[in-house]
Amino acid sequence: MACVICKNLIADRSGDKRYADLWISVEPFFKQNMKEAVLRNLASPSRQIRSQIASLVSAIAAIEIPRGEWLELIPMLCTNANHTDAQVKLSSLQTLGFICEELEPRDLNAGLKNAII
């Protein structure tokens, strides 16, 4: 449930104007720590947690990638898609799918598009 609330606040889906551009205004050090913590949970033994984390990661990526930030995410997920651990592989592929649903083709540079393909 915490992932859903966090994602809705970050993606400004709460409808509350107080949270507009919340993620953009967060201190870079906090954002980096949060992204690292969230990514660690993509390997959770719980399928439900992995799915919610994938959704949260895609919400953050939808804000950051068009701004030229967190460009290492997609290559990292593509690398993890070849991981020997099936849970890591599946959660990485699910996250990539969610990111592709959130972003427009113009949001990705040629290198990121090629990495996904």
C-alpha atoms as a PDB file:
ATOM      1  CA  MET A   1       0.000   0.000   0.000  1.00  0.00           C
ATOM      2  CA  ALA A   2       2.879   2.367   0.774  1.00  0.00           C
ATOM      3  CA  CYS A   3       4.153   2.017  -2.810  1.00  0.00           C
ATOM      4  CA  VAL A   4       0.776   2.958  -4.221  1.00  0.00           C
ATOM      5  CA  ILE A   5       0.515   6.047  -2.015  1.00  0.00           C
ATOM      6  CA  CYS A   6       4.085   7.077  -2.805  1.00  0.00           C
ATOM      7  CA  LYS A   7       3.561   6.533  -6.543  1.00  0.00           C
ATOM      8  CA  ASN A   8       0.345   8.543  -6.523  1.00  0.00           C
ATOM      9  CA  LEU A   9       2.033  11.432  -4.740  1.00  0.00           C
ATOM     10  CA  ILE A  10       5.093  11.361  -6.997  1.00  0.00           C
ATOM     11  CA  ALA A  11       3.031  11.061 -10.170  1.00  0.00           C
ATOM     12  CA  ASP A  12       0.679  13.770  -8.875  1.00  0.00           C
ATOM     13  CA  ARG A  13      -2.307  11.451  -9.153  1.00  0.00           C
ATOM     14  CA  SER A  14      -3.654  12.415  -5.762  1.00  0.00           C
ATOM     15  CA  GLY A  15      -5.511  15.396  -7.173  1.00  0.00           C
ATOM     16  CA  ASP A  16      -4.190  17.514  -4.313  1.00  0.00           C
ATOM     17  CA  LYS A  17      -2.481  20.661  -5.640  1.00  0.00           C
ATOM     18  CA  ARG A  18      -0.134  20.682  -2.632  1.00  0.00           C
ATOM     19  CA  TYR A  19       1.693  17.727  -4.189  1.00  0.00           C
ATOM     20  CA  ALA A  20       2.115  19.076  -7.724  1.00  0.00           C
ATOM     21  CA  ASP A  21       5.760  18.691  -8.765  1.00  0.00           C
ATOM     22  CA  LEU A  22       6.551  17.048  -5.421  1.00  0.00           C
ATOM     23  CA  TRP A  23       9.257  14.751  -6.787  1.00  0.00           C
ATOM     24  CA  ILE A  24      10.966  17.574  -8.695  1.00  0.00           C
ATOM     25  CA  SER A  25      11.236  19.645  -5.520  1.00  0.00           C
ATOM     26  CA  VAL A  26      12.784  16.868  -3.399  1.00  0.00           C
ATOM     27  CA  GLU A  27      16.463  17.242  -2.473  1.00  0.00           C
ATOM     28  CA  PRO A  28      18.733  15.304  -4.879  1.00  0.00           C
ATOM     29  CA  PHE A  29      20.437  13.403  -2.030  1.00  0.00           C
ATOM     30  CA  PHE A  30      17.071  12.142  -0.756  1.00  0.00           C
ATOM     31  CA  LYS A  31      15.917  11.220  -4.267  1.00  0.00           C
ATOM     32  CA  GLN A  32      19.072   9.209  -4.886  1.00  0.00           C
ATOM     33  CA  ASN A  33      18.739   7.349  -1.589  1.00  0.00           C
ATOM     34  CA  MET A  34      15.090   6.625  -2.239  1.00  0.00           C
ATOM     35  CA  LYS A  35      15.741   5.347  -5.757  1.00  0.00           C
ATOM     36  CA  GLU A  36      18.481   3.035  -4.487  1.00  0.00           C
ATOM     37  CA  ALA A  37      16.228   1.679  -1.735  1.00  0.00           C
ATOM     38  CA  VAL A  38      13.333   1.171  -4.121  1.00  0.00           C
ATOM     39  CA  LEU A  39      15.503  -0.618  -6.700  1.00  0.00           C
ATOM     40  CA  ARG A  40      16.786  -3.039  -4.067  1.00  0.00           C
ATOM     41  CA  ASN A  41      13.208  -4.194  -3.588  1.00  0.00           C
ATOM     42  CA  LEU A  42      12.849  -5.274  -7.212  1.00  0.00           C
ATOM     43  CA  ALA A  43      14.444  -8.498  -5.987  1.00  0.00           C
ATOM     44  CA  SER A  44      11.871  -8.998  -3.210  1.00  0.00           C
ATOM     45  CA  PRO A  45      10.618 -12.563  -2.784  1.00  0.00           C
ATOM     46  CA  SER A  46       7.051 -11.172  -2.847  1.00  0.00           C
ATOM     47  CA  ARG A  47       5.538 -10.922  -6.331  1.00  0.00           C
ATOM     48  CA  GLN A  48       3.108  -8.255  -5.122  1.00  0.00           C
ATOM     49  CA  ILE A  49       5.904  -6.077  -3.726  1.00  0.00           C
ATOM     50  CA  ARG A  50       7.956  -6.470  -6.920  1.00  0.00           C
ATOM     51  CA  SER A  51       4.958  -5.391  -9.003  1.00  0.00           C
ATOM     52  CA  GLN A  52       4.252  -2.353  -6.834  1.00  0.00           C
ATOM     53  CA  ILE A  53       7.936  -1.383  -6.839  1.00  0.00           C
ATOM     54  CA  ALA A  54       7.972  -1.670 -10.653  1.00  0.00           C
ATOM     55  CA  SER A  55       5.044   0.719 -10.783  1.00  0.00           C
ATOM     56  CA  LEU A  56       6.747   3.167  -8.411  1.00  0.00           C
ATOM     57  CA  VAL A  57      10.004   3.041 -10.402  1.00  0.00           C
ATOM     58  CA  SER A  58       8.095   3.757 -13.612  1.00  0.00           C
ATOM     59  CA  ALA A  59       6.388   6.774 -12.004  1.00  0.00           C
ATOM     60  CA  ILE A  60       9.766   8.196 -11.003  1.00  0.00           C
ATOM     61  CA  ALA A  61      11.249   7.389 -14.414  1.00  0.00           C
ATOM     62  CA  ALA A  62       8.349   9.141 -16.156  1.00  0.00           C
ATOM     63  CA  ILE A  63       9.373  12.343 -14.402  1.00  0.00           C
ATOM     64  CA  GLU A  64      13.135  12.018 -14.503  1.00  0.00           C
ATOM     65  CA  ILE A  65      13.972  10.510 -17.898  1.00  0.00           C
ATOM     66  CA  PRO A  66      12.327  13.291 -19.964  1.00  0.00           C
ATOM     67  CA  ARG A  67      14.337  15.758 -17.849  1.00  0.00           C
ATOM     68  CA  GLY A  68      17.579  13.947 -18.735  1.00  0.00           C
ATOM     69  CA  GLU A  69      17.883  12.401 -15.269  1.00  0.00           C
ATOM     70  CA  TRP A  70      18.222   8.751 -14.142  1.00  0.00           C
ATOM     71  CA  LEU A  71      19.422   7.752 -17.595  1.00  0.00           C
ATOM     72  CA  GLU A  72      21.284   4.777 -16.111  1.00  0.00           C
ATOM     73  CA  LEU A  73      17.985   3.133 -15.090  1.00  0.00           C
ATOM     74  CA  ILE A  74      17.010   1.628 -18.445  1.00  0.00           C
ATOM     75  CA  PRO A  75      20.451   0.130 -19.199  1.00  0.00           C
ATOM     76  CA  MET A  76      20.514  -1.320 -15.669  1.00  0.00           C
ATOM     77  CA  LEU A  77      17.064  -2.870 -16.110  1.00  0.00           C
ATOM     78  CA  CYS A  78      18.079  -4.259 -19.506  1.00  0.00           C
ATOM     79  CA  THR A  79      21.139  -5.868 -17.924  1.00  0.00           C
ATOM     80  CA  ASN A  80      18.967  -7.302 -15.145  1.00  0.00           C
ATOM     81  CA  ALA A  81      16.606  -8.731 -17.766  1.00  0.00           C
ATOM     82  CA  ASN A  82      19.387 -11.247 -18.467  1.00  0.00           C
ATOM     83  CA  HIS A  83      19.914 -12.084 -14.787  1.00  0.00           C
ATOM     84  CA  THR A  84      20.052 -15.710 -13.702  1.00  0.00           C
ATOM     85  CA  ASP A  85      17.517 -15.084 -10.909  1.00  0.00           C
ATOM     86  CA  ALA A  86      14.057 -15.387 -12.475  1.00  0.00           C
ATOM     87  CA  GLN A  87      12.516 -12.919  -9.991  1.00  0.00           C
ATOM     88  CA  VAL A  88      15.057 -10.229 -10.859  1.00  0.00           C
ATOM     89  CA  LYS A  89      14.586 -10.918 -14.559  1.00  0.00           C
ATOM     90  CA  LEU A  90      10.785 -10.746 -14.422  1.00  0.00           C
ATOM     91  CA  SER A  91      10.633  -7.654 -12.215  1.00  0.00           C
ATOM     92  CA  SER A  92      13.119  -5.857 -14.476  1.00  0.00           C
ATOM     93  CA  LEU A  93      11.085  -6.707 -17.566  1.00  0.00           C
ATOM     94  CA  GLN A  94       7.863  -5.654 -15.848  1.00  0.00           C
ATOM     95  CA  THR A  95       9.477  -2.358 -14.822  1.00  0.00           C
ATOM     96  CA  LEU A  96      10.659  -1.742 -18.387  1.00  0.00           C
ATOM     97  CA  GLY A  97       7.131  -2.435 -19.614  1.00  0.00           C
ATOM     98  CA  PHE A  98       5.632   0.031 -17.151  1.00  0.00           C
ATOM     99  CA  ILE A  99       8.223   2.655 -18.126  1.00  0.00           C
ATOM    100  CA  CYS A 100       7.397   2.187 -21.813  1.00  0.00           C
ATOM    101  CA  GLU A 101       3.704   2.692 -21.005  1.00  0.00           C
ATOM    102  CA  GLU A 102       4.463   5.922 -19.118  1.00  0.00           C
ATOM    103  CA  LEU A 103       6.879   7.559 -21.570  1.00  0.00           C
ATOM    104  CA  GLU A 104       6.433   8.915 -25.063  1.00  0.00           C
ATOM    105  CA  PRO A 105       8.984   7.884 -27.714  1.00  0.00           C
ATOM    106  CA  ARG A 106      10.277  11.474 -27.796  1.00  0.00           C
ATOM    107  CA  ASP A 107      11.204  11.147 -24.094  1.00  0.00           C
ATOM    108  CA  LEU A 108      13.879   8.553 -24.869  1.00  0.00           C
ATOM    109  CA  ASN A 109      17.134   9.232 -26.647  1.00  0.00           C
ATOM    110  CA  ALA A 110      18.313   6.809 -29.345  1.00  0.00           C
ATOM    111  CA  GLY A 111      20.633   4.986 -26.938  1.00  0.00           C
ATOM    112  CA  LEU A 112      17.815   4.246 -24.486  1.00  0.00           C
ATOM    113  CA  LYS A 113      15.476   3.139 -27.276  1.00  0.00           C
ATOM    114  CA  ASN A 114      18.137   0.775 -28.614  1.00  0.00           C
ATOM    115  CA  ALA A 115      18.814  -0.611 -25.132  1.00  0.00           C
ATOM    116  CA  ILE A 116      15.128  -1.484 -24.724  1.00  0.00           C
ATOM    117  CA  ILE A 117      14.861  -3.074 -28.159  1.00  0.00           C
END
